[in-house]
Amino acid sequence: MRESQQSCSGANPIVGAPYPKPNGEATIPFAERLTCSVAEACAASGLGRTKLYELIAEERVATTTIGRRRLVLVRSLRSLLLRDL
Protein backbone atom coordinates (compact mmCIF):
# COMPACT_ATOMS: atom_id res chain seq x y z
CA MET A 1 0.00 0.00 0.00
CA ARG A 2 1.36 3.43 -0.95
CA GLU A 3 1.85 6.18 1.62
CA SER A 4 -0.91 8.33 0.12
CA GLN A 5 -3.45 5.57 0.65
CA GLN A 6 -5.13 4.93 3.96
CA SER A 7 -6.76 1.76 5.15
CA CYS A 8 -10.45 1.80 5.95
CA SER A 9 -10.98 1.10 9.62
CA GLY A 10 -14.72 0.61 9.30
CA ALA A 11 -15.38 3.79 11.29
CA ASN A 12 -18.42 5.94 10.61
CA PRO A 13 -17.86 7.71 7.26
CA ILE A 14 -20.23 10.56 8.13
CA VAL A 15 -17.81 11.92 10.72
CA GLY A 16 -14.72 11.79 8.57
CA ALA A 17 -13.25 8.30 8.23
CA PRO A 18 -11.90 7.44 4.77
CA TYR A 19 -14.62 6.12 2.48
CA PRO A 20 -13.51 2.96 0.62
CA LYS A 21 -13.57 2.61 -3.15
CA PRO A 22 -15.05 -0.63 -4.51
CA ASN A 23 -11.51 -2.00 -4.98
CA GLY A 24 -10.73 -1.46 -1.29
CA GLU A 25 -8.54 1.65 -1.63
CA ALA A 26 -9.39 4.60 0.60
CA THR A 27 -10.15 8.04 -0.83
CA ILE A 28 -10.63 11.45 0.74
CA PRO A 29 -12.50 11.29 4.05
CA PHE A 30 -16.23 11.30 3.38
CA ALA A 31 -16.84 14.49 5.37
CA GLU A 32 -14.36 16.37 3.14
CA ARG A 33 -15.97 15.33 -0.14
CA LEU A 34 -18.23 17.75 -1.98
CA THR A 35 -20.56 15.12 -3.42
CA CYS A 36 -21.28 11.41 -3.38
CA SER A 37 -23.48 9.02 -5.32
CA VAL A 38 -26.92 8.05 -4.06
CA ALA A 39 -25.58 4.56 -3.27
CA GLU A 40 -22.70 6.05 -1.23
CA ALA A 41 -25.12 8.35 0.60
CA CYS A 42 -27.28 5.33 1.48
CA ALA A 43 -24.28 3.36 2.73
CA ALA A 44 -22.89 6.28 4.75
CA SER A 45 -26.19 7.28 6.34
CA GLY A 46 -27.87 3.93 6.80
CA LEU A 47 -30.90 5.18 4.88
CA GLY A 48 -32.58 3.16 2.16
CA ARG A 49 -32.80 4.41 -1.43
CA THR A 50 -36.53 5.05 -1.20
CA LYS A 51 -36.21 7.16 1.96
CA LEU A 52 -33.26 9.08 0.54
CA TYR A 53 -35.23 9.89 -2.62
CA GLU A 54 -38.16 11.01 -0.41
CA LEU A 55 -35.84 13.38 1.45
CA ILE A 56 -34.53 14.66 -1.88
CA ALA A 57 -38.11 15.28 -3.10
CA GLU A 58 -38.88 17.13 0.16
CA GLU A 59 -35.72 19.21 -0.46
CA ARG A 60 -34.26 18.13 2.88
CA VAL A 61 -31.22 16.68 1.06
CA ALA A 62 -29.67 18.73 -1.75
CA THR A 63 -28.47 17.15 -4.96
CA THR A 64 -27.04 18.20 -8.28
CA THR A 65 -27.35 16.47 -11.62
CA ILE A 66 -24.50 16.31 -14.10
CA GLY A 67 -25.63 14.66 -17.29
CA ARG A 68 -27.79 11.78 -16.11
CA ARG A 69 -25.91 11.29 -12.86
CA ARG A 70 -27.44 12.55 -9.60
CA LEU A 71 -24.94 13.50 -6.92
CA VAL A 72 -25.82 14.15 -3.28
CA LEU A 73 -24.18 17.17 -1.65
CA VAL A 74 -22.32 15.75 1.34
CA ARG A 75 -22.75 18.90 3.44
CA SER A 76 -26.52 18.61 2.99
CA LEU A 77 -26.53 14.96 4.05
CA ARG A 78 -24.28 15.72 7.05
CA SER A 79 -26.44 18.64 8.18
CA LEU A 80 -29.56 16.46 8.01
CA LEU A 81 -27.99 13.67 10.04
CA LEU A 82 -25.93 15.71 12.49
CA ARG A 83 -28.39 18.52 13.30
CA ASP A 84 -29.35 17.02 16.66
CA LEU A 85 -25.76 16.67 17.90
PDB file of N, CA and C in Angstrom:
ATOM      1  N   MET A   1       0.842  -1.176   0.000  1.00  0.00           N
ATOM      2  CA  MET A   1       0.000   0.000   0.000  1.00  0.00           C
ATOM      3  C   MET A   1       0.890   1.242   0.000  1.00  0.00           C
ATOM      4  N   ARG A   2       0.565   2.202  -0.873  1.00  0.00           N
ATOM      5  CA  ARG A   2       1.359   3.432  -0.952  1.00  0.00           C
ATOM      6  C   ARG A   2       1.074   4.337   0.233  1.00  0.00           C
ATOM      7  N   GLU A   3       1.991   5.264   0.481  1.00  0.00           N
ATOM      8  CA  GLU A   3       1.850   6.180   1.616  1.00  0.00           C
ATOM      9  C   GLU A   3       0.604   7.047   1.505  1.00  0.00           C
ATOM     10  N   SER A   4       0.220   7.437   0.274  1.00  0.00           N
ATOM     11  CA  SER A   4      -0.913   8.330   0.116  1.00  0.00           C
ATOM     12  C   SER A   4      -2.242   7.625   0.346  1.00  0.00           C
ATOM     13  N   GLN A   5      -2.227   6.311   0.409  1.00  0.00           N
ATOM     14  CA  GLN A   5      -3.451   5.568   0.649  1.00  0.00           C
ATOM     15  C   GLN A   5      -3.607   5.290   2.134  1.00  0.00           C
ATOM     16  N   GLN A   6      -4.852   5.235   2.575  1.00  0.00           N
ATOM     17  CA  GLN A   6      -5.133   4.931   3.965  1.00  0.00           C
ATOM     18  C   GLN A   6      -5.989   3.686   3.993  1.00  0.00           C
ATOM     19  N   SER A   7      -5.891   2.920   5.052  1.00  0.00           N
ATOM     20  CA  SER A   7      -6.762   1.757   5.149  1.00  0.00           C
ATOM     21  C   SER A   7      -8.073   2.170   5.774  1.00  0.00           C
ATOM     22  N   CYS A   8      -9.137   1.495   5.406  1.00  0.00           N
ATOM     23  CA  CYS A   8     -10.454   1.798   5.950  1.00  0.00           C
ATOM     24  C   CYS A   8     -10.636   1.027   7.242  1.00  0.00           C
ATOM     25  N   SER A   9     -10.851   1.736   8.325  1.00  0.00           N
ATOM     26  CA  SER A   9     -10.975   1.097   9.623  1.00  0.00           C
ATOM     27  C   SER A   9     -12.393   0.663   9.934  1.00  0.00           C
ATOM     28  N   GLY A  10     -13.335   0.948   9.054  1.00  0.00           N
ATOM     29  CA  GLY A  10     -14.717   0.605   9.302  1.00  0.00           C
ATOM     30  C   GLY A  10     -15.424   1.623  10.186  1.00  0.00           C
ATOM     31  N   ALA A  11     -14.780   2.752  10.459  1.00  0.00           N
ATOM     32  CA  ALA A  11     -15.381   3.793  11.288  1.00  0.00           C
ATOM     33  C   ALA A  11     -16.503   4.476  10.512  1.00  0.00           C
ATOM     34  N   ASN A  12     -17.292   5.257  11.201  1.00  0.00           N
ATOM     35  CA  ASN A  12     -18.423   5.942  10.606  1.00  0.00           C
ATOM     36  C   ASN A  12     -17.960   6.959   9.570  1.00  0.00           C
ATOM     37  N   PRO A  13     -18.325   6.793   8.286  1.00  0.00           N
ATOM     38  CA  PRO A  13     -17.861   7.711   7.258  1.00  0.00           C
ATOM     39  C   PRO A  13     -18.473   9.095   7.352  1.00  0.00           C
ATOM     40  N   ILE A  14     -19.600   9.250   8.013  1.00  0.00           N
ATOM     41  CA  ILE A  14     -20.233  10.557   8.129  1.00  0.00           C
ATOM     42  C   ILE A  14     -19.361  11.521   8.921  1.00  0.00           C
ATOM     43  N   VAL A  15     -18.609  11.034   9.891  1.00  0.00           N
ATOM     44  CA  VAL A  15     -17.809  11.923  10.724  1.00  0.00           C
ATOM     45  C   VAL A  15     -16.359  12.010  10.286  1.00  0.00           C
ATOM     46  N   GLY A  16     -16.021  11.494   9.115  1.00  0.00           N
ATOM     47  CA  GLY A  16     -14.721  11.792   8.568  1.00  0.00           C
ATOM     48  C   GLY A  16     -13.770  10.648   8.324  1.00  0.00           C
ATOM     49  N   ALA A  17     -14.153   9.415   8.531  1.00  0.00           N
ATOM     50  CA  ALA A  17     -13.251   8.303   8.227  1.00  0.00           C
ATOM     51  C   ALA A  17     -13.138   8.153   6.712  1.00  0.00           C
ATOM     52  N   PRO A  18     -12.031   7.619   6.216  1.00  0.00           N
ATOM     53  CA  PRO A  18     -11.903   7.437   4.772  1.00  0.00           C
ATOM     54  C   PRO A  18     -13.014   6.536   4.238  1.00  0.00           C
ATOM     55  N   TYR A  19     -13.566   6.914   3.102  1.00  0.00           N
ATOM     56  CA  TYR A  19     -14.622   6.124   2.476  1.00  0.00           C
ATOM     57  C   TYR A  19     -13.980   5.200   1.446  1.00  0.00           C
ATOM     58  N   PRO A  20     -14.206   3.887   1.519  1.00  0.00           N
ATOM     59  CA  PRO A  20     -13.507   2.963   0.621  1.00  0.00           C
ATOM     60  C   PRO A  20     -14.068   2.968  -0.792  1.00  0.00           C
ATOM     61  N   LYS A  21     -13.170   2.836  -1.773  1.00  0.00           N
ATOM     62  CA  LYS A  21     -13.566   2.610  -3.153  1.00  0.00           C
ATOM     63  C   LYS A  21     -13.974   1.146  -3.272  1.00  0.00           C
ATOM     64  N   PRO A  22     -14.673   0.776  -4.346  1.00  0.00           N
ATOM     65  CA  PRO A  22     -15.050  -0.631  -4.515  1.00  0.00           C
ATOM     66  C   PRO A  22     -13.858  -1.591  -4.524  1.00  0.00           C
ATOM     67  N   ASN A  23     -12.685  -1.122  -4.944  1.00  0.00           N
ATOM     68  CA  ASN A  23     -11.513  -2.000  -4.980  1.00  0.00           C
ATOM     69  C   ASN A  23     -10.772  -2.044  -3.645  1.00  0.00           C
ATOM     70  N   GLY A  24     -11.319  -1.392  -2.618  1.00  0.00           N
ATOM     71  CA  GLY A  24     -10.726  -1.460  -1.289  1.00  0.00           C
ATOM     72  C   GLY A  24      -9.804  -0.307  -0.941  1.00  0.00           C
ATOM     73  N   GLU A  25      -9.409   0.507  -1.922  1.00  0.00           N
ATOM     74  CA  GLU A  25      -8.541   1.650  -1.634  1.00  0.00           C
ATOM     75  C   GLU A  25      -9.346   2.748  -0.950  1.00  0.00           C
ATOM     76  N   ALA A  26      -8.719   3.487  -0.070  1.00  0.00           N
ATOM     77  CA  ALA A  26      -9.395   4.595   0.600  1.00  0.00           C
ATOM     78  C   ALA A  26      -9.233   5.860  -0.229  1.00  0.00           C
ATOM     79  N   THR A  27     -10.194   6.759  -0.131  1.00  0.00           N
ATOM     80  CA  THR A  27     -10.155   8.041  -0.833  1.00  0.00           C
ATOM     81  C   THR A  27     -10.160   9.156   0.208  1.00  0.00           C
ATOM     82  N   ILE A  28     -10.542  10.350  -0.214  1.00  0.00           N
ATOM     83  CA  ILE A  28     -10.626  11.448   0.738  1.00  0.00           C
ATOM     84  C   ILE A  28     -11.667  11.092   1.803  1.00  0.00           C
ATOM     85  N   PRO A  29     -11.484  11.552   3.027  1.00  0.00           N
ATOM     86  CA  PRO A  29     -12.500  11.292   4.046  1.00  0.00           C
ATOM     87  C   PRO A  29     -13.874  11.777   3.565  1.00  0.00           C
ATOM     88  N   PHE A  30     -14.885  11.017   3.865  1.00  0.00           N
ATOM     89  CA  PHE A  30     -16.230  11.298   3.376  1.00  0.00           C
ATOM     90  C   PHE A  30     -16.669  12.718   3.716  1.00  0.00           C
ATOM     91  N   ALA A  31     -16.405  13.169   4.921  1.00  0.00           N
ATOM     92  CA  ALA A  31     -16.837  14.495   5.365  1.00  0.00           C
ATOM     93  C   ALA A  31     -16.185  15.614   4.565  1.00  0.00           C
ATOM     94  N   GLU A  32     -15.061  15.356   3.913  1.00  0.00           N
ATOM     95  CA  GLU A  32     -14.363  16.375   3.141  1.00  0.00           C
ATOM     96  C   GLU A  32     -14.765  16.381   1.672  1.00  0.00           C
ATOM     97  N   ARG A  33     -15.532  15.392   1.248  1.00  0.00           N
ATOM     98  CA  ARG A  33     -15.965  15.331  -0.141  1.00  0.00           C
ATOM     99  C   ARG A  33     -17.070  16.345  -0.394  1.00  0.00           C
ATOM    100  N   LEU A  34     -17.163  16.828  -1.619  1.00  0.00           N
ATOM    101  CA  LEU A  34     -18.227  17.754  -1.982  1.00  0.00           C
ATOM    102  C   LEU A  34     -19.515  17.006  -2.306  1.00  0.00           C
ATOM    103  N   THR A  35     -19.394  15.896  -3.012  1.00  0.00           N
ATOM    104  CA  THR A  35     -20.564  15.121  -3.418  1.00  0.00           C
ATOM    105  C   THR A  35     -20.298  13.637  -3.278  1.00  0.00           C
ATOM    106  N   CYS A  36     -21.381  12.864  -3.347  1.00  0.00           N
ATOM    107  CA  CYS A  36     -21.283  11.411  -3.378  1.00  0.00           C
ATOM    108  C   CYS A  36     -22.456  10.881  -4.187  1.00  0.00           C
ATOM    109  N   SER A  37     -22.372   9.629  -4.591  1.00  0.00           N
ATOM    110  CA  SER A  37     -23.476   9.019  -5.318  1.00  0.00           C
ATOM    111  C   SER A  37     -24.620   8.711  -4.354  1.00  0.00           C
ATOM    112  N   VAL A  38     -25.775   8.418  -4.895  1.00  0.00           N
ATOM    113  CA  VAL A  38     -26.918   8.046  -4.064  1.00  0.00           C
ATOM    114  C   VAL A  38     -26.591   6.773  -3.290  1.00  0.00           C
ATOM    115  N   ALA A  39     -25.947   5.813  -3.938  1.00  0.00           N
ATOM    116  CA  ALA A  39     -25.577   4.561  -3.269  1.00  0.00           C
ATOM    117  C   ALA A  39     -24.613   4.821  -2.112  1.00  0.00           C
ATOM    118  N   GLU A  40     -23.631   5.706  -2.307  1.00  0.00           N
ATOM    119  CA  GLU A  40     -22.701   6.049  -1.233  1.00  0.00           C
ATOM    120  C   GLU A  40     -23.411   6.771  -0.099  1.00  0.00           C
ATOM    121  N   ALA A  41     -24.361   7.638  -0.431  1.00  0.00           N
ATOM    122  CA  ALA A  41     -25.120   8.349   0.598  1.00  0.00           C
ATOM    123  C   ALA A  41     -25.948   7.367   1.426  1.00  0.00           C
ATOM    124  N   CYS A  42     -26.516   6.364   0.763  1.00  0.00           N
ATOM    125  CA  CYS A  42     -27.281   5.334   1.483  1.00  0.00           C
ATOM    126  C   CYS A  42     -26.368   4.547   2.421  1.00  0.00           C
ATOM    127  N   ALA A  43     -25.219   4.145   1.917  1.00  0.00           N
ATOM    128  CA  ALA A  43     -24.282   3.362   2.732  1.00  0.00           C
ATOM    129  C   ALA A  43     -23.764   4.174   3.922  1.00  0.00           C
ATOM    130  N   ALA A  44     -23.449   5.441   3.690  1.00  0.00           N
ATOM    131  CA  ALA A  44     -22.890   6.277   4.748  1.00  0.00           C
ATOM    132  C   ALA A  44     -23.918   6.642   5.806  1.00  0.00           C
ATOM    133  N   SER A  45     -25.167   6.809   5.408  1.00  0.00           N
ATOM    134  CA  SER A  45     -26.190   7.277   6.339  1.00  0.00           C
ATOM    135  C   SER A  45     -27.016   6.161   6.959  1.00  0.00           C
ATOM    136  N   GLY A  46     -27.026   5.011   6.320  1.00  0.00           N
ATOM    137  CA  GLY A  46     -27.871   3.928   6.799  1.00  0.00           C
ATOM    138  C   GLY A  46     -29.304   4.037   6.305  1.00  0.00           C
ATOM    139  N   LEU A  47     -29.569   5.002   5.444  1.00  0.00           N
ATOM    140  CA  LEU A  47     -30.904   5.181   4.881  1.00  0.00           C
ATOM    141  C   LEU A  47     -31.068   4.304   3.646  1.00  0.00           C
ATOM    142  N   GLY A  48     -32.291   3.901   3.377  1.00  0.00           N
ATOM    143  CA  GLY A  48     -32.583   3.164   2.157  1.00  0.00           C
ATOM    144  C   GLY A  48     -32.736   4.125   0.986  1.00  0.00           C
ATOM    145  N   ARG A  49     -32.655   3.584  -0.231  1.00  0.00           N
ATOM    146  CA  ARG A  49     -32.795   4.409  -1.432  1.00  0.00           C
ATOM    147  C   ARG A  49     -34.129   5.143  -1.474  1.00  0.00           C
ATOM    148  N   THR A  50     -35.203   4.433  -1.139  1.00  0.00           N
ATOM    149  CA  THR A  50     -36.529   5.047  -1.201  1.00  0.00           C
ATOM    150  C   THR A  50     -36.616   6.233  -0.251  1.00  0.00           C
ATOM    151  N   LYS A  51     -36.158   6.073   0.984  1.00  0.00           N
ATOM    152  CA  LYS A  51     -36.206   7.164   1.962  1.00  0.00           C
ATOM    153  C   LYS A  51     -35.324   8.321   1.522  1.00  0.00           C
ATOM    154  N   LEU A  52     -34.155   8.018   0.993  1.00  0.00           N
ATOM    155  CA  LEU A  52     -33.264   9.081   0.535  1.00  0.00           C
ATOM    156  C   LEU A  52     -33.921   9.875  -0.587  1.00  0.00           C
ATOM    157  N   TYR A  53     -34.547   9.189  -1.541  1.00  0.00           N
ATOM    158  CA  TYR A  53     -35.234   9.895  -2.619  1.00  0.00           C
ATOM    159  C   TYR A  53     -36.427  10.698  -2.090  1.00  0.00           C
ATOM    160  N   GLU A  54     -37.091  10.226  -1.045  1.00  0.00           N
ATOM    161  CA  GLU A  54     -38.163  11.006  -0.413  1.00  0.00           C
ATOM    162  C   GLU A  54     -37.604  12.296   0.173  1.00  0.00           C
ATOM    163  N   LEU A  55     -36.479  12.197   0.863  1.00  0.00           N
ATOM    164  CA  LEU A  55     -35.840  13.377   1.448  1.00  0.00           C
ATOM    165  C   LEU A  55     -35.379  14.350   0.364  1.00  0.00           C
ATOM    166  N   ILE A  56     -34.924  13.811  -0.750  1.00  0.00           N
ATOM    167  CA  ILE A  56     -34.527  14.663  -1.884  1.00  0.00           C
ATOM    168  C   ILE A  56     -35.753  15.386  -2.427  1.00  0.00           C
ATOM    169  N   ALA A  57     -36.864  14.669  -2.582  1.00  0.00           N
ATOM    170  CA  ALA A  57     -38.105  15.276  -3.095  1.00  0.00           C
ATOM    171  C   ALA A  57     -38.625  16.355  -2.149  1.00  0.00           C
ATOM    172  N   GLU A  58     -38.456  16.145  -0.849  1.00  0.00           N
ATOM    173  CA  GLU A  58     -38.881  17.132   0.157  1.00  0.00           C
ATOM    174  C   GLU A  58     -37.872  18.279   0.291  1.00  0.00           C
ATOM    175  N   GLU A  59     -36.799  18.225  -0.478  1.00  0.00           N
ATOM    176  CA  GLU A  59     -35.718  19.214  -0.463  1.00  0.00           C
ATOM    177  C   GLU A  59     -35.028  19.313   0.880  1.00  0.00           C
ATOM    178  N   ARG A  60     -34.993  18.195   1.611  1.00  0.00           N
ATOM    179  CA  ARG A  60     -34.262  18.135   2.876  1.00  0.00           C
ATOM    180  C   ARG A  60     -32.826  17.679   2.646  1.00  0.00           C
ATOM    181  N   VAL A  61     -32.572  17.067   1.485  1.00  0.00           N
ATOM    182  CA  VAL A  61     -31.225  16.684   1.061  1.00  0.00           C
ATOM    183  C   VAL A  61     -31.022  17.295  -0.318  1.00  0.00           C
ATOM    184  N   ALA A  62     -29.952  18.057  -0.477  1.00  0.00           N
ATOM    185  CA  ALA A  62     -29.673  18.732  -1.748  1.00  0.00           C
ATOM    186  C   ALA A  62     -28.874  17.825  -2.670  1.00  0.00           C
ATOM    187  N   THR A  63     -29.193  17.913  -3.946  1.00  0.00           N
ATOM    188  CA  THR A  63     -28.465  17.147  -4.962  1.00  0.00           C
ATOM    189  C   THR A  63     -28.168  18.051  -6.145  1.00  0.00           C
ATOM    190  N   THR A  64     -27.311  17.558  -7.002  1.00  0.00           N
ATOM    191  CA  THR A  64     -27.044  18.202  -8.280  1.00  0.00           C
ATOM    192  C   THR A  64     -27.009  17.099  -9.330  1.00  0.00           C
ATOM    193  N   THR A  65     -27.362  17.439 -10.542  1.00  0.00           N
ATOM    194  CA  THR A  65     -27.349  16.468 -11.618  1.00  0.00           C
ATOM    195  C   THR A  65     -26.354  16.934 -12.672  1.00  0.00           C
ATOM    196  N   ILE A  66     -25.465  16.049 -13.042  1.00  0.00           N
ATOM    197  CA  ILE A  66     -24.504  16.314 -14.097  1.00  0.00           C
ATOM    198  C   ILE A  66     -24.730  15.237 -15.146  1.00  0.00           C
ATOM    199  N   GLY A  67     -25.215  15.648 -16.295  1.00  0.00           N
ATOM    200  CA  GLY A  67     -25.629  14.663 -17.293  1.00  0.00           C
ATOM    201  C   GLY A  67     -26.828  13.913 -16.744  1.00  0.00           C
ATOM    202  N   ARG A  68     -26.721  12.594 -16.685  1.00  0.00           N
ATOM    203  CA  ARG A  68     -27.786  11.779 -16.109  1.00  0.00           C
ATOM    204  C   ARG A  68     -27.476  11.338 -14.687  1.00  0.00           C
ATOM    205  N   ARG A  69     -26.329  11.748 -14.187  1.00  0.00           N
ATOM    206  CA  ARG A  69     -25.908  11.293 -12.856  1.00  0.00           C
ATOM    207  C   ARG A  69     -26.351  12.268 -11.769  1.00  0.00           C
ATOM    208  N   ARG A  70     -27.022  11.741 -10.750  1.00  0.00           N
ATOM    209  CA  ARG A  70     -27.440  12.555  -9.603  1.00  0.00           C
ATOM    210  C   ARG A  70     -26.401  12.385  -8.503  1.00  0.00           C
ATOM    211  N   LEU A  71     -25.912  13.510  -7.999  1.00  0.00           N
ATOM    212  CA  LEU A  71     -24.937  13.502  -6.920  1.00  0.00           C
ATOM    213  C   LEU A  71     -25.531  14.197  -5.701  1.00  0.00           C
ATOM    214  N   VAL A  72     -25.330  13.595  -4.542  1.00  0.00           N
ATOM    215  CA  VAL A  72     -25.816  14.150  -3.277  1.00  0.00           C
ATOM    216  C   VAL A  72     -24.737  15.065  -2.715  1.00  0.00           C
ATOM    217  N   LEU A  73     -25.129  16.266  -2.284  1.00  0.00           N
ATOM    218  CA  LEU A  73     -24.180  17.175  -1.653  1.00  0.00           C
ATOM    219  C   LEU A  73     -23.927  16.682  -0.231  1.00  0.00           C
ATOM    220  N   VAL A  74     -22.687  16.352   0.053  1.00  0.00           N
ATOM    221  CA  VAL A  74     -22.323  15.752   1.341  1.00  0.00           C
ATOM    222  C   VAL A  74     -22.670  16.684   2.491  1.00  0.00           C
ATOM    223  N   ARG A  75     -22.439  17.978   2.335  1.00  0.00           N
ATOM    224  CA  ARG A  75     -22.747  18.904   3.437  1.00  0.00           C
ATOM    225  C   ARG A  75     -24.236  18.878   3.775  1.00  0.00           C
ATOM    226  N   SER A  76     -25.089  18.687   2.774  1.00  0.00           N
ATOM    227  CA  SER A  76     -26.523  18.609   2.993  1.00  0.00           C
ATOM    228  C   SER A  76     -26.891  17.340   3.757  1.00  0.00           C
ATOM    229  N   LEU A  77     -26.285  16.234   3.373  1.00  0.00           N
ATOM    230  CA  LEU A  77     -26.525  14.962   4.055  1.00  0.00           C
ATOM    231  C   LEU A  77     -26.033  15.030   5.496  1.00  0.00           C
ATOM    232  N   ARG A  78     -24.840  15.587   5.696  1.00  0.00           N
ATOM    233  CA  ARG A  78     -24.279  15.717   7.050  1.00  0.00           C
ATOM    234  C   ARG A  78     -25.153  16.620   7.923  1.00  0.00           C
ATOM    235  N   SER A  79     -25.626  17.740   7.370  1.00  0.00           N
ATOM    236  CA  SER A  79     -26.439  18.645   8.179  1.00  0.00           C
ATOM    237  C   SER A  79     -27.764  17.991   8.561  1.00  0.00           C
ATOM    238  N   LEU A  80     -28.326  17.176   7.683  1.00  0.00           N
ATOM    239  CA  LEU A  80     -29.560  16.463   8.014  1.00  0.00           C
ATOM    240  C   LEU A  80     -29.325  15.482   9.149  1.00  0.00           C
ATOM    241  N   LEU A  81     -28.242  14.737   9.076  1.00  0.00           N
ATOM    242  CA  LEU A  81     -27.990  13.666  10.045  1.00  0.00           C
ATOM    243  C   LEU A  81     -27.367  14.153  11.350  1.00  0.00           C
ATOM    244  N   LEU A  82     -26.647  15.251  11.318  1.00  0.00           N
ATOM    245  CA  LEU A  82     -25.935  15.713  12.492  1.00  0.00           C
ATOM    246  C   LEU A  82     -26.590  16.908  13.173  1.00  0.00           C
ATOM    247  N   ARG A  83     -27.773  17.317  12.743  1.00  0.00           N
ATOM    248  CA  ARG A  83     -28.392  18.522  13.299  1.00  0.00           C
ATOM    249  C   ARG A  83     -28.761  18.410  14.767  1.00  0.00           C
ATOM    250  N   ASP A  84     -28.968  17.196  15.259  1.00  0.00           N
ATOM    251  CA  ASP A  84     -29.347  17.022  16.661  1.00  0.00           C
ATOM    252  C   ASP A  84     -28.154  16.863  17.600  1.00  0.00           C
ATOM    253  N   LEU A  85     -26.952  16.858  17.059  1.00  0.00           N
ATOM    254  CA  LEU A  85     -25.764  16.670  17.903  1.00  0.00           C
ATOM    255  C   LEU A  85     -25.292  17.958  18.519  1.00  0.00           C
TER     256      LEU A  85
END
